[in-house]
Amino acid sequence: MLKSKHTIAALIIAPLLSIGGYFVVDGFIAEKPHRAEAGKSYPLVALPGCRYSGGKCTLKNNEFSVEISAAEPGAGVVNLNLTAKYPLQAAKMALVNDPVQAGDPESMRSLDQAGRQWTIALAGSAQPGSQIRLVLVADGAFYFGETGLAFLQTETPLPQDARDGR
């Protein structure tokens, strides 16, 4: 079987053609990234870190990203800070305990002149199944997203005996 020159040439050329064909087809079919247009809406996707305790959650759409982190805790209040990669014109956030609930969005307060640091104190508590929904405006384009509150949970402290090594 491997004595034929044609078979050997086919075994060498076929993988090269398949890989080359993949990149050629991808170049023709793939969606090209484009700049966000004023007045249009774009979804933000919660990255995997939002599903685990760690104190921070990043939501992203291509180059546009925001990071949500917990501020000082309060009783019956969820304090959150938002840091944006690009300046924002406005930011609103809502805390909902039921996924079918619409929630009343509240305006966030800017902490700097550039519009990259924002804060809010949402009435309510972080319960299992609670979500935060946000809407951001940057350069006239709207960005929206939602995520659970698992990232706000802190690790349970070890009992004194476990910390002492007993």
N, C-alpha and C. Protein backbone atom coordinates (compact mmCIF):
# COMPACT_ATOMS: atom_id res chain seq x y z
N MET A 1 0.82 -1.19 0.00
CA MET A 1 0.00 0.00 0.00
C MET A 1 0.87 1.26 0.00
N LEU A 2 1.91 1.30 0.82
CA LEU A 2 2.75 2.49 0.88
C LEU A 2 3.83 2.49 -0.19
N LYS A 3 3.72 1.60 -1.16
CA LYS A 3 4.70 1.56 -2.24
C LYS A 3 4.31 2.50 -3.38
N SER A 4 3.06 2.92 -3.39
CA SER A 4 2.59 3.80 -4.45
C SER A 4 2.93 5.25 -4.13
N LYS A 5 3.51 5.97 -5.08
CA LYS A 5 3.85 7.38 -4.90
C LYS A 5 2.58 8.22 -4.72
N HIS A 6 1.52 7.83 -5.36
CA HIS A 6 0.28 8.58 -5.28
C HIS A 6 -0.34 8.50 -3.87
N THR A 7 -0.27 7.34 -3.25
CA THR A 7 -0.80 7.15 -1.90
C THR A 7 0.01 7.96 -0.90
N ILE A 8 1.30 7.93 -1.02
CA ILE A 8 2.16 8.68 -0.10
C ILE A 8 1.91 10.18 -0.27
N ALA A 9 1.82 10.65 -1.49
CA ALA A 9 1.54 12.07 -1.74
C ALA A 9 0.18 12.47 -1.16
N ALA A 10 -0.82 11.61 -1.31
CA ALA A 10 -2.16 11.90 -0.77
C ALA A 10 -2.14 11.97 0.75
N LEU A 11 -1.38 11.09 1.40
CA LEU A 11 -1.29 11.10 2.87
C LEU A 11 -0.61 12.37 3.38
N ILE A 12 0.27 12.94 2.58
CA ILE A 12 0.95 14.17 3.00
C ILE A 12 0.11 15.40 2.67
N ILE A 13 -0.51 15.43 1.50
CA ILE A 13 -1.22 16.62 1.03
C ILE A 13 -2.61 16.77 1.65
N ALA A 14 -3.33 15.70 1.92
CA ALA A 14 -4.71 15.76 2.43
C ALA A 14 -4.81 16.55 3.74
N PRO A 15 -3.97 16.29 4.76
CA PRO A 15 -4.09 17.08 5.99
C PRO A 15 -3.79 18.57 5.76
N LEU A 16 -2.84 18.86 4.89
CA LEU A 16 -2.52 20.26 4.61
C LEU A 16 -3.68 20.96 3.92
N LEU A 17 -4.33 20.28 2.99
CA LEU A 17 -5.49 20.87 2.32
C LEU A 17 -6.66 21.08 3.28
N SER A 18 -6.87 20.14 4.20
CA SER A 18 -7.99 20.28 5.14
C SER A 18 -7.75 21.44 6.10
N ILE A 19 -6.53 21.59 6.58
CA ILE A 19 -6.24 22.71 7.49
C ILE A 19 -6.33 24.03 6.73
N GLY A 20 -5.77 24.08 5.54
CA GLY A 20 -5.86 25.30 4.73
C GLY A 20 -7.29 25.65 4.39
N GLY A 21 -8.09 24.64 4.05
CA GLY A 21 -9.50 24.86 3.74
C GLY A 21 -10.27 25.41 4.92
N TYR A 22 -9.93 24.96 6.13
CA TYR A 22 -10.58 25.46 7.33
C TYR A 22 -10.37 26.97 7.46
N PHE A 23 -9.14 27.42 7.30
CA PHE A 23 -8.85 28.84 7.45
C PHE A 23 -9.44 29.68 6.32
N VAL A 24 -9.48 29.15 5.12
CA VAL A 24 -10.07 29.88 4.00
C VAL A 24 -11.56 30.05 4.20
N VAL A 25 -12.25 28.98 4.58
CA VAL A 25 -13.70 29.06 4.82
C VAL A 25 -13.99 29.98 6.00
N ASP A 26 -13.18 29.91 7.06
CA ASP A 26 -13.36 30.78 8.22
C ASP A 26 -13.22 32.25 7.82
N GLY A 27 -12.29 32.54 6.94
CA GLY A 27 -12.10 33.91 6.48
C GLY A 27 -13.29 34.46 5.72
N PHE A 28 -13.98 33.59 4.97
CA PHE A 28 -15.13 34.03 4.20
C PHE A 28 -16.41 34.10 5.04
N ILE A 29 -16.59 33.19 5.97
CA ILE A 29 -17.85 33.04 6.68
C ILE A 29 -17.88 33.77 8.03
N ALA A 30 -16.76 33.83 8.74
CA ALA A 30 -16.73 34.36 10.10
C ALA A 30 -17.22 35.81 10.15
N GLU A 31 -17.91 36.12 11.23
CA GLU A 31 -18.40 37.48 11.41
C GLU A 31 -17.23 38.37 11.81
N LYS A 32 -17.11 39.48 11.15
CA LYS A 32 -16.03 40.42 11.44
C LYS A 32 -16.45 41.30 12.61
N PRO A 33 -15.55 41.53 13.58
CA PRO A 33 -15.90 42.43 14.67
C PRO A 33 -16.14 43.84 14.14
N HIS A 34 -17.11 44.51 14.70
CA HIS A 34 -17.40 45.86 14.28
C HIS A 34 -17.60 46.75 15.48
N ARG A 35 -17.45 48.01 15.29
CA ARG A 35 -17.58 48.99 16.36
C ARG A 35 -19.05 49.11 16.77
N ALA A 36 -19.27 49.29 18.07
CA ALA A 36 -20.63 49.46 18.57
C ALA A 36 -21.23 50.76 18.02
N GLU A 37 -22.48 50.68 17.59
CA GLU A 37 -23.16 51.84 17.01
C GLU A 37 -24.09 52.47 18.04
N ALA A 38 -24.14 53.78 18.04
CA ALA A 38 -25.01 54.51 18.97
C ALA A 38 -26.46 54.12 18.72
N GLY A 39 -27.19 53.92 19.81
CA GLY A 39 -28.60 53.57 19.72
C GLY A 39 -28.88 52.09 19.66
N LYS A 40 -27.88 51.27 19.43
CA LYS A 40 -28.09 49.81 19.38
C LYS A 40 -27.76 49.18 20.73
N SER A 41 -28.29 47.98 20.95
CA SER A 41 -28.09 47.25 22.21
C SER A 41 -27.17 46.06 21.98
N TYR A 42 -26.33 45.80 22.98
CA TYR A 42 -25.38 44.69 22.91
C TYR A 42 -25.40 43.93 24.23
N PRO A 43 -25.45 42.60 24.19
CA PRO A 43 -25.48 41.82 25.43
C PRO A 43 -24.08 41.68 26.04
N LEU A 44 -24.04 41.63 27.36
CA LEU A 44 -22.81 41.35 28.09
C LEU A 44 -22.88 39.92 28.60
N VAL A 45 -21.80 39.19 28.47
CA VAL A 45 -21.75 37.80 28.91
C VAL A 45 -20.95 37.72 30.21
N ALA A 46 -21.51 37.03 31.20
CA ALA A 46 -20.82 36.85 32.47
C ALA A 46 -19.74 35.78 32.31
N LEU A 47 -18.52 36.13 32.67
CA LEU A 47 -17.41 35.18 32.59
C LEU A 47 -17.51 34.16 33.71
N PRO A 48 -16.80 33.03 33.63
CA PRO A 48 -16.93 31.96 34.61
C PRO A 48 -16.68 32.36 36.06
N GLY A 49 -15.87 33.38 36.31
CA GLY A 49 -15.59 33.80 37.67
C GLY A 49 -16.82 34.29 38.42
N CYS A 50 -17.89 34.60 37.70
CA CYS A 50 -19.13 35.09 38.32
C CYS A 50 -19.88 33.97 39.03
N ARG A 51 -19.57 32.72 38.72
CA ARG A 51 -20.29 31.59 39.31
C ARG A 51 -19.67 31.08 40.60
N TYR A 52 -18.53 31.65 40.99
CA TYR A 52 -17.82 31.15 42.17
C TYR A 52 -17.51 32.30 43.11
N SER A 53 -17.39 31.97 44.40
CA SER A 53 -17.05 33.02 45.36
C SER A 53 -15.65 33.52 45.06
N GLY A 54 -15.46 34.78 45.14
CA GLY A 54 -14.18 35.39 44.84
C GLY A 54 -14.25 36.90 44.96
N GLY A 55 -15.46 37.43 45.06
CA GLY A 55 -15.61 38.85 45.28
C GLY A 55 -15.69 39.70 44.02
N LYS A 56 -15.40 39.10 42.85
CA LYS A 56 -15.43 39.88 41.61
C LYS A 56 -16.12 39.11 40.50
N CYS A 57 -16.78 39.86 39.62
CA CYS A 57 -17.46 39.28 38.46
C CYS A 57 -17.21 40.18 37.26
N THR A 58 -16.81 39.58 36.15
CA THR A 58 -16.55 40.35 34.94
C THR A 58 -17.60 40.01 33.89
N LEU A 59 -18.19 41.04 33.31
CA LEU A 59 -19.12 40.88 32.20
C LEU A 59 -18.47 41.51 30.98
N LYS A 60 -18.61 40.84 29.82
CA LYS A 60 -17.82 41.25 28.67
C LYS A 60 -18.58 41.09 27.36
N ASN A 61 -18.29 41.97 26.41
CA ASN A 61 -18.74 41.85 25.02
C ASN A 61 -17.58 42.36 24.18
N ASN A 62 -16.86 41.45 23.55
CA ASN A 62 -15.69 41.75 22.75
C ASN A 62 -14.68 42.55 23.58
N GLU A 63 -14.38 43.79 23.24
CA GLU A 63 -13.40 44.59 23.98
C GLU A 63 -14.03 45.32 25.17
N PHE A 64 -15.34 45.47 25.16
CA PHE A 64 -16.03 46.19 26.23
C PHE A 64 -16.20 45.26 27.42
N SER A 65 -15.74 45.67 28.60
CA SER A 65 -15.90 44.83 29.78
C SER A 65 -16.08 45.69 31.03
N VAL A 66 -16.81 45.13 31.99
CA VAL A 66 -16.99 45.77 33.29
C VAL A 66 -16.76 44.73 34.37
N GLU A 67 -16.28 45.20 35.51
CA GLU A 67 -16.04 44.30 36.64
C GLU A 67 -16.88 44.78 37.81
N ILE A 68 -17.63 43.86 38.40
CA ILE A 68 -18.48 44.17 39.55
C ILE A 68 -17.83 43.55 40.77
N SER A 69 -17.75 44.32 41.84
CA SER A 69 -17.18 43.80 43.09
C SER A 69 -18.02 44.29 44.26
N ALA A 70 -17.89 43.59 45.37
CA ALA A 70 -18.65 43.92 46.56
C ALA A 70 -17.95 45.05 47.31
N ALA A 71 -18.75 45.99 47.78
CA ALA A 71 -18.23 47.05 48.65
C ALA A 71 -18.47 46.61 50.09
N GLU A 72 -18.36 47.52 51.02
CA GLU A 72 -18.57 47.17 52.43
C GLU A 72 -19.99 46.62 52.62
N PRO A 73 -20.13 45.51 53.34
CA PRO A 73 -21.46 44.92 53.52
C PRO A 73 -22.34 45.78 54.42
N GLY A 74 -23.64 45.67 54.20
CA GLY A 74 -24.60 46.37 55.02
C GLY A 74 -25.77 45.45 55.33
N ALA A 75 -26.51 45.76 56.36
CA ALA A 75 -27.66 44.93 56.74
C ALA A 75 -28.84 45.27 55.83
N GLY A 76 -29.33 44.28 55.09
CA GLY A 76 -30.46 44.49 54.20
C GLY A 76 -30.12 45.30 52.96
N VAL A 77 -28.82 45.47 52.69
CA VAL A 77 -28.38 46.26 51.54
C VAL A 77 -27.23 45.52 50.86
N VAL A 78 -27.23 45.50 49.54
CA VAL A 78 -26.13 44.94 48.77
C VAL A 78 -25.38 46.10 48.14
N ASN A 79 -24.17 46.34 48.61
CA ASN A 79 -23.34 47.43 48.11
C ASN A 79 -22.41 46.89 47.04
N LEU A 80 -22.45 47.50 45.86
CA LEU A 80 -21.64 47.03 44.74
C LEU A 80 -20.87 48.17 44.11
N ASN A 81 -19.67 47.86 43.61
CA ASN A 81 -18.87 48.79 42.84
C ASN A 81 -18.73 48.23 41.44
N LEU A 82 -18.70 49.11 40.45
CA LEU A 82 -18.54 48.71 39.06
C LEU A 82 -17.35 49.49 38.49
N THR A 83 -16.45 48.77 37.84
CA THR A 83 -15.30 49.38 37.18
C THR A 83 -15.39 49.05 35.70
N ALA A 84 -15.42 50.07 34.85
CA ALA A 84 -15.56 49.89 33.41
C ALA A 84 -14.22 50.11 32.72
N LYS A 85 -14.02 49.36 31.66
CA LYS A 85 -12.80 49.52 30.86
C LYS A 85 -12.85 50.82 30.08
N TYR A 86 -14.05 51.21 29.62
CA TYR A 86 -14.25 52.44 28.86
C TYR A 86 -15.19 53.36 29.63
N PRO A 87 -15.14 54.65 29.42
CA PRO A 87 -16.03 55.58 30.13
C PRO A 87 -17.50 55.30 29.83
N LEU A 88 -18.31 55.40 30.87
CA LEU A 88 -19.76 55.20 30.74
C LEU A 88 -20.47 56.54 30.89
N GLN A 89 -21.57 56.69 30.16
CA GLN A 89 -22.40 57.88 30.30
C GLN A 89 -23.45 57.69 31.39
N ALA A 90 -23.91 56.45 31.57
CA ALA A 90 -24.92 56.15 32.59
C ALA A 90 -24.85 54.67 32.91
N ALA A 91 -25.30 54.32 34.12
CA ALA A 91 -25.33 52.92 34.54
C ALA A 91 -26.52 52.73 35.48
N LYS A 92 -27.27 51.65 35.26
CA LYS A 92 -28.40 51.30 36.12
C LYS A 92 -28.28 49.83 36.48
N MET A 93 -28.75 49.50 37.68
CA MET A 93 -28.67 48.12 38.16
C MET A 93 -29.92 47.80 38.97
N ALA A 94 -30.33 46.53 38.93
CA ALA A 94 -31.49 46.07 39.70
C ALA A 94 -31.14 44.74 40.36
N LEU A 95 -31.64 44.53 41.56
CA LEU A 95 -31.50 43.27 42.28
C LEU A 95 -32.85 42.57 42.24
N VAL A 96 -32.88 41.35 41.69
CA VAL A 96 -34.13 40.60 41.62
C VAL A 96 -33.95 39.25 42.30
N ASN A 97 -34.95 38.84 43.05
CA ASN A 97 -34.90 37.56 43.75
C ASN A 97 -35.59 36.45 42.99
N ASP A 98 -36.41 36.82 41.99
CA ASP A 98 -37.15 35.85 41.19
C ASP A 98 -36.80 36.10 39.72
N PRO A 99 -36.35 35.08 38.98
CA PRO A 99 -35.94 35.29 37.59
C PRO A 99 -37.01 35.89 36.68
N VAL A 100 -38.29 35.66 36.97
CA VAL A 100 -39.35 36.22 36.14
C VAL A 100 -39.70 37.65 36.54
N GLN A 101 -39.19 38.09 37.68
CA GLN A 101 -39.44 39.44 38.17
C GLN A 101 -38.67 40.44 37.30
N ALA A 102 -39.30 41.55 36.97
CA ALA A 102 -38.64 42.56 36.12
C ALA A 102 -37.60 43.34 36.91
N GLY A 103 -37.89 43.71 38.13
CA GLY A 103 -36.96 44.50 38.93
C GLY A 103 -37.00 45.97 38.55
N ASP A 104 -36.83 46.82 39.54
CA ASP A 104 -36.81 48.26 39.31
C ASP A 104 -35.36 48.72 39.26
N PRO A 105 -34.87 49.10 38.08
CA PRO A 105 -33.47 49.53 38.01
C PRO A 105 -33.25 50.85 38.73
N GLU A 106 -32.13 50.93 39.39
CA GLU A 106 -31.74 52.16 40.10
C GLU A 106 -30.48 52.70 39.46
N SER A 107 -30.39 54.01 39.39
CA SER A 107 -29.21 54.64 38.80
C SER A 107 -28.01 54.50 39.71
N MET A 108 -26.88 54.19 39.12
CA MET A 108 -25.64 54.10 39.86
C MET A 108 -25.02 55.49 39.94
N ARG A 109 -24.17 55.69 40.95
CA ARG A 109 -23.52 56.98 41.17
C ARG A 109 -22.08 56.88 40.71
N SER A 110 -21.65 57.83 39.89
CA SER A 110 -20.28 57.85 39.39
C SER A 110 -19.34 58.32 40.50
N LEU A 111 -18.19 57.67 40.61
CA LEU A 111 -17.21 58.03 41.63
C LEU A 111 -16.05 58.87 41.07
N ASP A 112 -15.96 58.98 39.75
CA ASP A 112 -14.88 59.76 39.16
C ASP A 112 -15.39 60.54 37.95
N GLN A 113 -14.62 61.51 37.52
CA GLN A 113 -15.00 62.35 36.39
C GLN A 113 -14.96 61.60 35.06
N ALA A 114 -14.12 60.57 34.97
CA ALA A 114 -13.96 59.82 33.72
C ALA A 114 -15.13 58.90 33.44
N GLY A 115 -15.92 58.57 34.45
CA GLY A 115 -17.07 57.67 34.27
C GLY A 115 -16.69 56.21 34.23
N ARG A 116 -15.59 55.85 34.87
CA ARG A 116 -15.16 54.44 34.89
C ARG A 116 -15.42 53.76 36.22
N GLN A 117 -15.64 54.49 37.28
CA GLN A 117 -15.91 53.94 38.61
C GLN A 117 -17.33 54.32 39.02
N TRP A 118 -18.14 53.30 39.38
CA TRP A 118 -19.53 53.53 39.76
C TRP A 118 -19.84 52.74 41.01
N THR A 119 -20.85 53.18 41.77
CA THR A 119 -21.26 52.47 42.98
C THR A 119 -22.78 52.54 43.12
N ILE A 120 -23.30 51.58 43.90
CA ILE A 120 -24.74 51.54 44.18
C ILE A 120 -24.98 50.74 45.45
N ALA A 121 -26.03 51.10 46.17
CA ALA A 121 -26.49 50.35 47.33
C ALA A 121 -27.91 49.88 47.01
N LEU A 122 -28.06 48.58 46.75
CA LEU A 122 -29.35 48.02 46.39
C LEU A 122 -30.05 47.46 47.63
N ALA A 123 -31.30 47.84 47.82
CA ALA A 123 -32.07 47.34 48.95
C ALA A 123 -32.39 45.87 48.70
N GLY A 124 -32.18 45.05 49.72
CA GLY A 124 -32.43 43.61 49.61
C GLY A 124 -31.25 42.83 50.13
N SER A 125 -31.31 41.53 49.96
CA SER A 125 -30.22 40.68 50.44
C SER A 125 -29.86 39.67 49.34
N ALA A 126 -28.64 39.22 49.41
CA ALA A 126 -28.16 38.24 48.43
C ALA A 126 -28.63 36.85 48.84
N GLN A 127 -29.70 36.39 48.20
CA GLN A 127 -30.26 35.08 48.49
C GLN A 127 -29.87 34.13 47.37
N PRO A 128 -29.91 32.81 47.63
CA PRO A 128 -29.67 31.88 46.51
C PRO A 128 -30.71 32.11 45.42
N GLY A 129 -30.28 32.22 44.20
CA GLY A 129 -31.18 32.48 43.09
C GLY A 129 -31.34 33.94 42.75
N SER A 130 -30.83 34.84 43.60
CA SER A 130 -30.90 36.28 43.30
C SER A 130 -29.99 36.62 42.14
N GLN A 131 -30.38 37.63 41.39
CA GLN A 131 -29.59 38.08 40.26
C GLN A 131 -29.50 39.59 40.26
N ILE A 132 -28.44 40.08 39.65
CA ILE A 132 -28.37 41.51 39.39
C ILE A 132 -28.44 41.69 37.87
N ARG A 133 -29.19 42.69 37.48
CA ARG A 133 -29.34 43.03 36.07
C ARG A 133 -28.83 44.45 35.89
N LEU A 134 -28.09 44.67 34.82
CA LEU A 134 -27.56 46.00 34.62
C LEU A 134 -27.70 46.46 33.18
N VAL A 135 -27.79 47.76 33.03
CA VAL A 135 -27.83 48.42 31.73
C VAL A 135 -26.82 49.55 31.78
N LEU A 136 -25.95 49.60 30.78
CA LEU A 136 -24.90 50.61 30.73
C LEU A 136 -25.01 51.36 29.41
N VAL A 137 -24.62 52.62 29.43
CA VAL A 137 -24.59 53.43 28.21
C VAL A 137 -23.17 53.93 28.03
N ALA A 138 -22.58 53.61 26.87
CA ALA A 138 -21.23 54.07 26.54
C ALA A 138 -21.23 54.51 25.07
N ASP A 139 -20.85 55.73 24.82
CA ASP A 139 -20.84 56.30 23.47
C ASP A 139 -22.18 56.13 22.76
N GLY A 140 -23.27 56.25 23.50
CA GLY A 140 -24.60 56.16 22.92
C GLY A 140 -25.10 54.75 22.68
N ALA A 141 -24.25 53.73 22.88
CA ALA A 141 -24.66 52.33 22.72
C ALA A 141 -25.08 51.78 24.08
N PHE A 142 -26.05 50.88 24.06
CA PHE A 142 -26.57 50.27 25.29
C PHE A 142 -25.98 48.87 25.45
N TYR A 143 -25.54 48.57 26.65
CA TYR A 143 -25.03 47.24 26.99
C TYR A 143 -25.88 46.72 28.15
N PHE A 144 -26.31 45.46 28.06
CA PHE A 144 -27.14 44.90 29.11
C PHE A 144 -26.64 43.51 29.48
N GLY A 145 -26.87 43.12 30.72
CA GLY A 145 -26.46 41.79 31.16
C GLY A 145 -27.04 41.47 32.52
N GLU A 146 -26.86 40.21 32.91
CA GLU A 146 -27.31 39.78 34.23
C GLU A 146 -26.38 38.68 34.70
N THR A 147 -26.31 38.55 36.02
CA THR A 147 -25.49 37.50 36.62
C THR A 147 -26.02 37.19 38.01
N GLY A 148 -25.70 36.00 38.47
CA GLY A 148 -26.07 35.61 39.82
C GLY A 148 -25.15 36.28 40.83
N LEU A 149 -25.42 36.07 42.09
CA LEU A 149 -24.64 36.72 43.15
C LEU A 149 -23.68 35.76 43.84
N ALA A 150 -23.38 34.63 43.22
CA ALA A 150 -22.48 33.66 43.84
C ALA A 150 -21.11 34.27 44.11
N PHE A 151 -20.67 35.21 43.30
CA PHE A 151 -19.35 35.82 43.49
C PHE A 151 -19.26 36.65 44.76
N LEU A 152 -20.41 37.05 45.33
CA LEU A 152 -20.41 37.83 46.57
C LEU A 152 -20.21 36.99 47.81
N GLN A 153 -20.45 35.68 47.71
CA GLN A 153 -20.34 34.81 48.88
C GLN A 153 -18.89 34.72 49.30
N THR A 154 -18.71 34.71 50.61
CA THR A 154 -17.36 34.57 51.14
C THR A 154 -17.21 33.17 51.69
N GLU A 155 -15.99 32.74 51.77
CA GLU A 155 -15.72 31.42 52.33
C GLU A 155 -16.10 31.40 53.81
N THR A 156 -16.63 30.27 54.27
CA THR A 156 -16.98 30.12 55.67
C THR A 156 -15.70 30.01 56.49
N PRO A 157 -15.54 30.84 57.53
CA PRO A 157 -14.31 30.77 58.31
C PRO A 157 -14.22 29.43 59.05
N LEU A 158 -13.01 28.95 59.20
CA LEU A 158 -12.79 27.70 59.90
C LEU A 158 -12.98 27.89 61.39
N PRO A 159 -13.45 26.86 62.12
CA PRO A 159 -13.54 26.96 63.57
C PRO A 159 -12.14 27.13 64.16
N GLN A 160 -12.07 27.65 65.36
CA GLN A 160 -10.79 27.92 66.02
C GLN A 160 -9.95 26.65 66.12
N ASP A 161 -10.57 25.50 66.40
CA ASP A 161 -9.82 24.25 66.52
C ASP A 161 -9.12 23.91 65.20
N ALA A 162 -9.78 24.13 64.08
CA ALA A 162 -9.19 23.80 62.78
C ALA A 162 -8.04 24.74 62.45
N ARG A 163 -8.16 26.01 62.88
CA ARG A 163 -7.09 26.96 62.60
C ARG A 163 -5.85 26.66 63.44
N ASP A 164 -6.07 26.11 64.64
CA ASP A 164 -4.95 25.78 65.51
C ASP A 164 -4.29 24.48 65.13
N GLY A 165 -4.90 23.70 64.20
CA GLY A 165 -4.31 22.44 63.76
C GLY A 165 -4.69 21.27 64.65
N ARG A 166 -5.72 21.39 65.45
CA ARG A 166 -6.15 20.28 66.32
C ARG A 166 -7.07 19.36 65.62
